[in-house]
Amino acid sequence: MSELTEASGAGDPAGDAVRHRVVEEGLATLTPQARAAVVLRHYYGYDYAEIASFLQTSPGNVGSLLSRAHADLRLQLAVGSDADPADSPTEFRIPAAGLSGDRRPDR
């Protein structure tokens, strides 16, 4: 989950607990497939091809799932903080380039 909270200034235990709760609540509102894609990508570091294999879909569909899920999460997090969604952090955005690289924990 570090990617989801790194840009939010992690380090404050109370703030970390609140961020964790807010992210968990946001994830709970996603469809099961979108939630799985987000968790596999950001919690476990799988690439689009691996996620596509797990979800039995195409890598392109994984990109679409993640894009919509990130937009939904940004909106929910902005609403929860009374901030303008257009000003919300971009830590949920996944660049089109640079999707390779294994950031999964050691197994």
C-alpha atoms as a PDB file:
ATOM      1  CA  MET A   1       0.000   0.000   0.000  1.00  0.00           C
ATOM      2  CA  SER A   2       3.002   2.290   0.157  1.00  0.00           C
ATOM      3  CA  GLU A   3       2.312   3.776  -3.290  1.00  0.00           C
ATOM      4  CA  LEU A   4      -1.163   4.733  -2.158  1.00  0.00           C
ATOM      5  CA  THR A   5       0.083   6.615   0.883  1.00  0.00           C
ATOM      6  CA  GLU A   6       3.641   7.741   0.111  1.00  0.00           C
ATOM      7  CA  ALA A   7       2.579  11.033  -1.468  1.00  0.00           C
ATOM      8  CA  SER A   8       0.241  11.794   1.406  1.00  0.00           C
ATOM      9  CA  GLY A   9       3.003  12.413   3.928  1.00  0.00           C
ATOM     10  CA  ALA A  10       3.048   9.100   5.762  1.00  0.00           C
ATOM     11  CA  GLY A  11       4.832   9.116   9.092  1.00  0.00           C
ATOM     12  CA  ASP A  12       2.109  10.359  11.441  1.00  0.00           C
ATOM     13  CA  PRO A  13       0.609   7.262  13.130  1.00  0.00           C
ATOM     14  CA  ALA A  14      -2.830   8.834  13.578  1.00  0.00           C
ATOM     15  CA  GLY A  15      -2.793  10.138  10.026  1.00  0.00           C
ATOM     16  CA  ASP A  16      -1.634   6.751   8.758  1.00  0.00           C
ATOM     17  CA  ALA A  17      -4.572   5.047  10.472  1.00  0.00           C
ATOM     18  CA  VAL A  18      -7.022   7.533   8.976  1.00  0.00           C
ATOM     19  CA  ARG A  19      -5.491   7.193   5.491  1.00  0.00           C
ATOM     20  CA  HIS A  20      -5.606   3.409   5.794  1.00  0.00           C
ATOM     21  CA  ARG A  21      -9.285   3.492   6.777  1.00  0.00           C
ATOM     22  CA  VAL A  22     -10.185   5.922   3.983  1.00  0.00           C
ATOM     23  CA  VAL A  23      -8.348   3.855   1.356  1.00  0.00           C
ATOM     24  CA  GLU A  24      -9.956   0.640   2.621  1.00  0.00           C
ATOM     25  CA  GLU A  25     -13.402   2.252   2.492  1.00  0.00           C
ATOM     26  CA  GLY A  26     -12.697   3.499  -1.030  1.00  0.00           C
ATOM     27  CA  LEU A  27     -11.551   0.062  -2.164  1.00  0.00           C
ATOM     28  CA  ALA A  28     -14.720  -1.475  -0.735  1.00  0.00           C
ATOM     29  CA  THR A  29     -16.834   0.656  -3.087  1.00  0.00           C
ATOM     30  CA  LEU A  30     -15.101  -0.632  -6.231  1.00  0.00           C
ATOM     31  CA  THR A  31     -16.350  -3.573  -8.249  1.00  0.00           C
ATOM     32  CA  PRO A  32     -14.648  -6.843  -7.278  1.00  0.00           C
ATOM     33  CA  GLN A  33     -12.659  -6.907 -10.524  1.00  0.00           C
ATOM     34  CA  ALA A  34     -11.519  -3.279 -10.195  1.00  0.00           C
ATOM     35  CA  ARG A  35     -10.628  -3.802  -6.526  1.00  0.00           C
ATOM     36  CA  ALA A  36      -8.605  -6.902  -7.417  1.00  0.00           C
ATOM     37  CA  ALA A  37      -6.750  -4.992 -10.151  1.00  0.00           C
ATOM     38  CA  VAL A  38      -5.882  -2.132  -7.771  1.00  0.00           C
ATOM     39  CA  VAL A  39      -4.736  -4.476  -5.001  1.00  0.00           C
ATOM     40  CA  LEU A  40      -2.682  -6.643  -7.348  1.00  0.00           C
ATOM     41  CA  ARG A  41      -1.050  -3.585  -8.914  1.00  0.00           C
ATOM     42  CA  HIS A  42      -0.425  -1.361  -5.902  1.00  0.00           C
ATOM     43  CA  TYR A  43      -0.206  -3.754  -2.965  1.00  0.00           C
ATOM     44  CA  TYR A  44       1.648  -6.574  -4.725  1.00  0.00           C
ATOM     45  CA  GLY A  45       3.305  -4.808  -7.686  1.00  0.00           C
ATOM     46  CA  TYR A  46       2.131  -7.118 -10.460  1.00  0.00           C
ATOM     47  CA  ASP A  47       2.328  -5.792 -14.014  1.00  0.00           C
ATOM     48  CA  TYR A  48      -0.640  -5.490 -16.365  1.00  0.00           C
ATOM     49  CA  ALA A  49       0.013  -8.824 -18.108  1.00  0.00           C
ATOM     50  CA  GLU A  50       0.141 -10.703 -14.808  1.00  0.00           C
ATOM     51  CA  ILE A  51      -3.020  -9.017 -13.550  1.00  0.00           C
ATOM     52  CA  ALA A  52      -4.728  -9.821 -16.844  1.00  0.00           C
ATOM     53  CA  SER A  53      -3.805 -13.463 -16.394  1.00  0.00           C
ATOM     54  CA  PHE A  54      -5.202 -13.550 -12.854  1.00  0.00           C
ATOM     55  CA  LEU A  55      -8.428 -11.807 -13.871  1.00  0.00           C
ATOM     56  CA  GLN A  56      -8.736 -13.710 -17.159  1.00  0.00           C
ATOM     57  CA  THR A  57      -8.910 -10.554 -19.233  1.00  0.00           C
ATOM     58  CA  SER A  58      -6.623  -8.536 -21.515  1.00  0.00           C
ATOM     59  CA  PRO A  59      -3.853  -6.182 -20.384  1.00  0.00           C
ATOM     60  CA  GLY A  60      -5.746  -3.364 -22.112  1.00  0.00           C
ATOM     61  CA  ASN A  61      -8.804  -4.091 -20.006  1.00  0.00           C
ATOM     62  CA  VAL A  62      -6.616  -4.039 -16.890  1.00  0.00           C
ATOM     63  CA  GLY A  63      -5.483  -0.548 -17.871  1.00  0.00           C
ATOM     64  CA  SER A  64      -9.103   0.533 -18.291  1.00  0.00           C
ATOM     65  CA  LEU A  65     -10.110  -1.028 -14.968  1.00  0.00           C
ATOM     66  CA  LEU A  66      -7.273   0.721 -13.168  1.00  0.00           C
ATOM     67  CA  SER A  67      -7.950   4.052 -14.844  1.00  0.00           C
ATOM     68  CA  ARG A  68     -11.615   4.006 -13.824  1.00  0.00           C
ATOM     69  CA  ALA A  69     -10.797   2.713 -10.337  1.00  0.00           C
ATOM     70  CA  HIS A  70      -8.190   5.432  -9.806  1.00  0.00           C
ATOM     71  CA  ALA A  71     -10.650   8.105 -10.940  1.00  0.00           C
ATOM     72  CA  ASP A  72     -13.303   6.725  -8.581  1.00  0.00           C
ATOM     73  CA  LEU A  73     -10.845   6.603  -5.684  1.00  0.00           C
ATOM     74  CA  ARG A  74      -9.587  10.133  -6.367  1.00  0.00           C
ATOM     75  CA  LEU A  75     -13.152  11.409  -6.358  1.00  0.00           C
ATOM     76  CA  GLN A  76     -14.041   9.553  -3.163  1.00  0.00           C
ATOM     77  CA  LEU A  77     -10.904  10.715  -1.390  1.00  0.00           C
ATOM     78  CA  ALA A  78     -11.514  14.300  -2.495  1.00  0.00           C
ATOM     79  CA  VAL A  79     -15.155  14.176  -1.363  1.00  0.00           C
ATOM     80  CA  GLY A  80     -14.069  12.730   1.961  1.00  0.00           C
ATOM     81  CA  SER A  81     -11.655  15.599   2.472  1.00  0.00           C
ATOM     82  CA  ASP A  82     -13.910  18.332   1.019  1.00  0.00           C
ATOM     83  CA  ALA A  83     -11.217  19.069  -1.572  1.00  0.00           C
ATOM     84  CA  ASP A  84     -11.711  19.777  -5.252  1.00  0.00           C
ATOM     85  CA  PRO A  85     -11.271  16.458  -7.164  1.00  0.00           C
ATOM     86  CA  ALA A  86      -9.318  18.340  -9.838  1.00  0.00           C
ATOM     87  CA  ASP A  87      -6.751  19.254  -7.168  1.00  0.00           C
ATOM     88  CA  SER A  88      -6.460  15.735  -5.762  1.00  0.00           C
ATOM     89  CA  PRO A  89      -3.071  14.014  -5.725  1.00  0.00           C
ATOM     90  CA  THR A  90      -2.011  11.999  -8.728  1.00  0.00           C
ATOM     91  CA  GLU A  91      -0.565   9.031  -6.833  1.00  0.00           C
ATOM     92  CA  PHE A  92      -3.320   6.831  -8.247  1.00  0.00           C
ATOM     93  CA  ARG A  93      -2.397   7.607 -11.845  1.00  0.00           C
ATOM     94  CA  ILE A  94      -0.410   4.951 -13.636  1.00  0.00           C
ATOM     95  CA  PRO A  95       1.732   6.234 -16.508  1.00  0.00           C
ATOM     96  CA  ALA A  96       1.267   4.602 -19.894  1.00  0.00           C
ATOM     97  CA  ALA A  97       5.005   4.038 -20.119  1.00  0.00           C
ATOM     98  CA  GLY A  98       7.225   2.318 -17.611  1.00  0.00           C
ATOM     99  CA  LEU A  99       4.907  -0.506 -16.657  1.00  0.00           C
ATOM    100  CA  SER A 100       7.693  -3.043 -16.517  1.00  0.00           C
ATOM    101  CA  GLY A 101       9.701  -3.770 -13.435  1.00  0.00           C
ATOM    102  CA  ASP A 102       9.087  -6.207 -10.652  1.00  0.00           C
ATOM    103  CA  ARG A 103       8.242  -4.488  -7.376  1.00  0.00           C
ATOM    104  CA  ARG A 104       6.695  -7.543  -5.771  1.00  0.00           C
ATOM    105  CA  PRO A 105       7.868  -8.581  -2.344  1.00  0.00           C
ATOM    106  CA  ASP A 106      10.333 -11.458  -2.138  1.00  0.00           C
ATOM    107  CA  ARG A 107       8.572 -14.768  -2.182  1.00  0.00           C
END
